[in-house]
Amino acid sequence: MKKKEIETLFKKTPKKGFYTLEKDGYLFVLESLGLFKYGLLSVIEEKGPLNEFIDRLVIHNQYVERSYIVNNEFGVVLNRIDINALELLLDEIIAFFKDNHIENICLHCHQRKDLAFFYNDVNIEISCEECLQEVEYKEHSSHLLRGILGALIGCIIPTFLFIISRHIGYLIAPVGILYGLLAYYGYKKLGYYMDKKGICASFLTAVVTMFLGQSVRYVYDVVDAFQANWKIKVSFSEALGVMPGLINGSVLAVGLVYLIYILVFLLVTYVIIIIIEKRKGHHFNVIEKL
């Protein structure tokens, strides 16, 4: 469906990809999921043959990819549906609700009240004003030191793999992805929350541990060089002492190439995680009644 077609039936909202509809006393939210998919959402009472109706939608409607009811949140995932088919589906859903005396309820208190659409930083909610006055919507602050500790712990595994893979170039990609995943979620685990400072701190932690890993790789390169060229076994501490005099520009350049590759995969992983987490977020600091 094109945006203009959607807007003939639904109302555009400040949140990109979200639309609202009030029809026959029922409130619906339409969310664009990308790749020609849409999510039709509402908050309703769970009663009557609702589960059978949900199953029937998937079986008999070619556009319904999935339907569900979870904690009073009714949802239908639609694939490649046109506006006419969407309108017919809405009529079918509303008719079922009316026949079974199913009403919209508040997302928070699950009561029948005067409901409205409310916009926050992440999505559109169907709620009553009383609940929104009681619920605190604010940006949570992460615990910086605990979060950095979590990111450091998470970076142990990719750093170890980075060090032992100095002769195996194809491990660079998964190492970069692991740095991103474990640094991000390590920070979030111990920092209790992920905010902007958490994103920056965990990313920098991954970069710092990555450079430390490369430094250790240089030391082992010195150990290997003594063994290969002079058949001399040197310890890690001995190699560390002579490393500054043996590492030249060409060696540093090779190491820099590895670091750039890992940084690219790290950055891409972070971007993907942030996009996914933003869609799943539950902490907001802006509320607007639509």
Protein backbone atom coordinates (compact mmCIF):
# COMPACT_ATOMS: atom_id res chain seq x y z
CA MET A 1 0.00 0.00 0.00
CA LYS A 2 1.10 3.52 -0.67
CA LYS A 3 1.00 6.17 2.02
CA LYS A 4 -1.68 8.12 0.20
CA GLU A 5 -3.88 5.02 0.07
CA ILE A 6 -3.42 4.38 3.79
CA GLU A 7 -4.28 7.99 4.61
CA THR A 8 -7.65 7.64 2.86
CA LEU A 9 -8.68 5.34 5.71
CA PHE A 10 -6.24 5.97 8.56
CA LYS A 11 -5.00 9.16 10.16
CA LYS A 12 -1.32 10.01 9.93
CA THR A 13 0.56 10.43 13.24
CA PRO A 14 3.78 12.26 14.25
CA LYS A 15 5.46 8.86 14.56
CA LYS A 16 6.78 7.75 11.18
CA GLY A 17 5.12 4.57 9.94
CA PHE A 18 2.23 4.73 12.46
CA TYR A 19 -1.40 5.47 11.63
CA THR A 20 -4.58 5.53 13.72
CA LEU A 21 -8.21 4.72 13.02
CA GLU A 22 -11.38 5.15 15.04
CA LYS A 23 -14.23 3.24 13.45
CA ASP A 24 -17.60 2.31 14.93
CA GLY A 25 -16.28 3.12 18.39
CA TYR A 26 -13.17 0.92 18.07
CA LEU A 27 -9.60 2.16 18.07
CA PHE A 28 -6.88 0.67 15.87
CA VAL A 29 -3.22 1.43 15.22
CA LEU A 30 -1.56 0.50 11.93
CA GLU A 31 2.23 0.15 11.96
CA SER A 32 4.41 -0.21 8.89
CA LEU A 33 6.83 -3.09 9.46
CA GLY A 34 8.71 -2.78 6.18
CA LEU A 35 8.96 -5.22 3.27
CA PHE A 36 5.26 -4.64 2.45
CA LYS A 37 4.20 -5.83 5.91
CA TYR A 38 1.91 -4.04 8.35
CA GLY A 39 0.82 -4.62 11.92
CA LEU A 40 -2.79 -3.89 12.88
CA LEU A 41 -3.04 -3.37 16.63
CA SER A 42 -5.69 -2.77 19.26
CA VAL A 43 -6.24 -3.32 22.99
CA ILE A 44 -9.36 -5.34 23.79
CA GLU A 45 -11.10 -7.51 26.34
CA GLU A 46 -10.19 -11.18 26.16
CA LYS A 47 -13.49 -13.03 26.06
CA GLY A 48 -15.67 -15.07 23.77
CA PRO A 49 -14.31 -17.33 21.02
CA LEU A 50 -11.40 -14.96 20.45
CA ASN A 51 -8.73 -17.62 19.96
CA GLU A 52 -10.85 -19.40 17.36
CA PHE A 53 -11.36 -16.13 15.53
CA ILE A 54 -7.62 -15.43 15.57
CA ASP A 55 -6.89 -18.87 14.12
CA ARG A 56 -9.57 -18.39 11.49
CA LEU A 57 -8.01 -15.13 10.34
CA VAL A 58 -4.70 -16.86 9.61
CA ILE A 59 -6.33 -19.82 7.86
CA HIS A 60 -8.90 -18.05 5.71
CA ASN A 61 -7.39 -14.65 4.95
CA GLN A 62 -4.55 -14.75 2.44
CA TYR A 63 -3.13 -11.45 3.67
CA VAL A 64 -2.92 -12.42 7.35
CA GLU A 65 0.52 -13.82 8.12
CA ARG A 66 0.05 -14.01 11.88
CA SER A 67 -2.48 -12.96 14.51
CA TYR A 68 -2.28 -12.99 18.29
CA ILE A 69 -3.68 -11.78 21.60
CA VAL A 70 -1.12 -11.16 24.36
CA ASN A 71 -1.97 -9.31 27.58
CA ASN A 72 -5.08 -7.87 25.92
CA GLU A 73 -3.04 -6.57 22.98
CA PHE A 74 -4.68 -7.80 19.78
CA GLY A 75 -2.44 -7.85 16.73
CA VAL A 76 -2.58 -8.95 13.11
CA VAL A 77 0.51 -9.07 10.88
CA LEU A 78 -0.45 -8.35 7.27
CA ASN A 79 1.59 -9.12 4.17
CA ARG A 80 1.13 -7.34 0.82
CA ILE A 81 -2.42 -6.28 1.58
CA ASP A 82 -4.20 -3.58 -0.43
CA ILE A 83 -6.40 -0.88 1.04
CA ASN A 84 -9.67 -2.50 -0.06
CA ALA A 85 -8.75 -5.84 1.51
CA LEU A 86 -7.66 -4.02 4.67
CA GLU A 87 -11.01 -2.25 4.93
CA LEU A 88 -12.85 -5.57 4.52
CA LEU A 89 -10.66 -7.13 7.21
CA LEU A 90 -11.42 -4.26 9.58
CA ASP A 91 -15.14 -4.70 8.98
CA GLU A 92 -14.80 -8.42 9.76
CA ILE A 93 -12.88 -7.75 12.98
CA ILE A 94 -15.28 -5.05 14.16
CA ALA A 95 -18.29 -7.26 13.39
CA PHE A 96 -16.78 -10.05 15.49
CA PHE A 97 -16.07 -7.65 18.36
CA LYS A 98 -19.65 -6.37 18.29
CA ASP A 99 -21.20 -9.83 18.10
CA ASN A 100 -19.22 -10.94 21.15
CA HIS A 101 -19.55 -7.66 23.07
CA ILE A 102 -15.78 -7.13 23.06
CA GLU A 103 -14.74 -3.57 23.82
CA ASN A 104 -11.53 -1.57 23.75
CA ILE A 105 -9.80 -1.21 27.11
CA CYS A 106 -6.88 0.82 28.44
CA LEU A 107 -3.44 -0.61 27.79
CA HIS A 108 -2.39 0.01 31.40
CA CYS A 109 -5.40 -0.49 33.69
CA HIS A 110 -7.34 -2.80 31.34
CA GLN A 111 -10.56 -0.94 32.13
CA ARG A 112 -13.31 0.39 29.89
CA LYS A 113 -12.82 4.14 30.06
CA ASP A 114 -12.69 7.12 27.77
CA LEU A 115 -9.80 6.07 25.58
CA ALA A 116 -7.62 7.98 23.17
CA PHE A 117 -4.46 7.61 21.13
CA PHE A 118 -1.29 8.83 22.82
CA TYR A 119 2.02 9.36 21.07
CA ASN A 120 5.35 8.88 22.81
CA ASP A 121 8.91 8.61 21.55
CA VAL A 122 8.56 4.99 20.49
CA ASN A 123 4.99 4.12 19.51
CA ILE A 124 1.30 4.95 19.66
CA GLU A 125 -0.69 3.74 22.67
CA ILE A 126 -4.39 3.26 23.29
CA SER A 127 -4.87 4.42 26.85
CA CYS A 128 -6.93 6.52 29.24
CA GLU A 129 -5.73 9.87 30.50
CA GLU A 130 -5.91 8.80 34.14
CA CYS A 131 -3.31 6.08 33.64
CA LEU A 132 -1.00 8.35 31.69
CA GLN A 133 -1.05 10.83 34.56
CA GLU A 134 0.02 8.09 36.97
CA VAL A 135 2.59 6.31 34.81
CA GLU A 136 5.99 7.97 34.79
CA TYR A 137 7.39 8.28 31.31
CA LYS A 138 10.96 9.36 31.69
CA GLU A 139 14.37 8.58 30.28
CA HIS A 140 16.07 6.13 32.62
CA SER A 141 19.72 6.71 33.36
CA SER A 142 22.14 3.81 33.25
CA HIS A 143 24.78 3.08 35.90
CA LEU A 144 27.95 4.08 34.07
CA LEU A 145 30.65 2.24 36.06
CA ARG A 146 28.68 -0.98 36.38
CA GLY A 147 27.79 -0.79 32.70
CA ILE A 148 31.43 -0.36 31.65
CA LEU A 149 32.33 -3.34 33.82
CA GLY A 150 29.66 -5.37 32.03
CA ALA A 151 30.99 -4.27 28.65
CA LEU A 152 34.54 -5.20 29.68
CA ILE A 153 33.42 -8.65 30.78
CA GLY A 154 31.55 -9.06 27.52
CA CYS A 155 34.61 -8.09 25.49
CA ILE A 156 36.79 -10.82 27.01
CA ILE A 157 35.59 -13.49 24.58
CA PRO A 158 36.01 -11.50 21.32
CA THR A 159 39.38 -10.17 22.51
CA PHE A 160 40.58 -13.71 23.20
CA LEU A 161 39.37 -14.83 19.76
CA PHE A 162 41.04 -11.79 18.19
CA ILE A 163 44.37 -12.70 19.78
CA ILE A 164 44.35 -16.39 18.87
CA SER A 165 43.13 -15.70 15.33
CA ARG A 166 46.16 -13.67 14.25
CA HIS A 167 46.88 -16.23 11.54
CA ILE A 168 43.21 -16.81 10.62
CA GLY A 169 41.84 -13.78 8.84
CA TYR A 170 38.30 -15.09 8.27
CA LEU A 171 37.55 -14.83 12.00
CA ILE A 172 37.70 -11.04 11.77
CA ALA A 173 34.01 -10.66 10.81
CA PRO A 174 32.53 -12.75 13.65
CA VAL A 175 34.96 -11.13 16.10
CA GLY A 176 33.67 -7.68 15.14
CA ILE A 177 30.06 -8.82 15.49
CA LEU A 178 30.81 -10.41 18.87
CA TYR A 179 32.44 -7.20 20.07
CA GLY A 180 29.26 -5.31 19.21
CA LEU A 181 26.82 -7.79 20.73
CA LEU A 182 28.71 -8.53 23.95
CA ALA A 183 29.81 -4.95 24.65
CA TYR A 184 26.29 -3.60 24.14
CA TYR A 185 24.40 -6.23 26.08
CA GLY A 186 27.15 -6.55 28.69
CA TYR A 187 26.74 -2.86 29.47
CA LYS A 188 22.96 -3.17 29.46
CA LYS A 189 23.04 -6.19 31.78
CA LEU A 190 25.06 -4.57 34.56
CA GLY A 191 24.15 -0.96 33.81
CA TYR A 192 20.43 -1.83 34.10
CA TYR A 193 19.53 0.29 31.08
CA MET A 194 20.96 1.48 27.79
CA ASP A 195 20.93 5.21 27.12
CA LYS A 196 23.06 7.52 24.97
CA LYS A 197 25.97 7.56 27.40
CA GLY A 198 25.73 3.77 27.62
CA ILE A 199 25.94 3.44 23.85
CA CYS A 200 29.02 5.68 23.74
CA ALA A 201 30.69 4.08 26.77
CA SER A 202 30.13 0.50 25.64
CA PHE A 203 31.29 1.28 22.10
CA LEU A 204 34.47 2.95 23.39
CA THR A 205 35.04 0.00 25.74
CA ALA A 206 34.90 -2.34 22.76
CA VAL A 207 37.33 -0.16 20.81
CA VAL A 208 39.80 0.08 23.71
CA THR A 209 39.78 -3.68 24.34
CA MET A 210 40.19 -4.21 20.62
CA PHE A 211 43.36 -2.08 20.59
CA LEU A 212 44.62 -3.92 23.67
CA GLY A 213 44.01 -7.18 21.84
CA GLN A 214 45.98 -5.92 18.85
CA SER A 215 48.86 -4.94 21.16
CA VAL A 216 48.94 -8.46 22.56
CA ARG A 217 48.92 -9.79 19.00
CA TYR A 218 52.04 -7.71 18.28
CA VAL A 219 53.81 -9.30 21.26
CA TYR A 220 53.00 -12.78 20.00
CA ASP A 221 54.19 -11.73 16.54
CA VAL A 222 57.57 -10.94 18.12
CA VAL A 223 57.58 -14.37 19.81
CA ASP A 224 56.84 -16.00 16.46
CA ALA A 225 59.54 -13.94 14.72
CA PHE A 226 62.24 -15.07 17.16
CA GLN A 227 61.16 -18.67 16.76
CA ALA A 228 60.97 -18.55 12.95
CA ASN A 229 64.10 -16.52 12.18
CA TRP A 230 66.52 -17.42 14.95
CA LYS A 231 65.03 -20.57 16.48
CA ILE A 232 65.00 -18.80 19.83
CA LYS A 233 62.20 -19.28 22.30
CA VAL A 234 61.35 -16.11 24.18
CA SER A 235 58.72 -15.60 26.83
CA PHE A 236 55.82 -13.19 26.54
CA SER A 237 57.43 -10.74 28.98
CA GLU A 238 60.75 -10.83 27.10
CA ALA A 239 58.98 -10.22 23.79
CA LEU A 240 57.06 -7.35 25.36
CA GLY A 241 60.35 -5.71 26.36
CA VAL A 242 61.88 -5.80 22.88
CA MET A 243 58.67 -5.23 20.91
CA PRO A 244 58.97 -1.41 20.53
CA GLY A 245 62.27 -1.80 18.70
CA LEU A 246 61.05 -4.52 16.35
CA ILE A 247 57.61 -3.30 15.31
CA ASN A 248 58.01 -1.14 12.21
CA GLY A 249 55.57 0.82 10.07
CA SER A 250 54.63 -2.08 7.79
CA VAL A 251 53.71 -4.28 10.75
CA LEU A 252 51.63 -1.50 12.26
CA ALA A 253 49.87 -1.01 8.91
CA VAL A 254 48.89 -4.69 8.75
CA GLY A 255 47.52 -4.51 12.28
CA LEU A 256 45.61 -1.35 11.41
CA VAL A 257 43.90 -3.12 8.51
CA TYR A 258 42.63 -5.81 10.90
CA LEU A 259 41.38 -3.14 13.29
CA ILE A 260 39.55 -1.26 10.55
CA TYR A 261 37.76 -4.42 9.43
CA ILE A 262 36.68 -5.19 12.99
CA LEU A 263 35.59 -1.59 13.56
CA VAL A 264 33.37 -1.75 10.48
CA PHE A 265 31.64 -4.91 11.70
CA LEU A 266 31.43 -3.47 15.21
CA LEU A 267 29.80 -0.27 13.95
CA VAL A 268 27.33 -2.11 11.70
CA THR A 269 26.38 -4.41 14.59
CA TYR A 270 25.76 -1.42 16.86
CA VAL A 271 23.58 0.30 14.28
CA ILE A 272 21.47 -2.84 13.83
CA ILE A 273 21.13 -3.38 17.60
CA ILE A 274 20.13 0.24 18.21
CA ILE A 275 17.46 0.09 15.50
CA ILE A 276 16.03 -3.14 16.94
CA GLU A 277 16.17 -1.89 20.53
CA LYS A 278 14.51 1.38 19.60
CA ARG A 279 11.56 -0.49 18.12
CA LYS A 280 11.28 -2.55 21.31
CA GLY A 281 11.83 0.32 23.75
CA HIS A 282 9.50 0.93 26.70
CA HIS A 283 10.90 4.15 28.20
CA PHE A 284 9.74 7.46 26.89
CA ASN A 285 9.89 11.11 27.81
CA VAL A 286 7.35 12.69 25.47
CA ILE A 287 3.57 12.21 25.54
CA GLU A 288 1.12 13.78 23.15
CA LYS A 289 -2.59 13.11 22.87
CA LEU A 290 -3.64 12.62 19.26
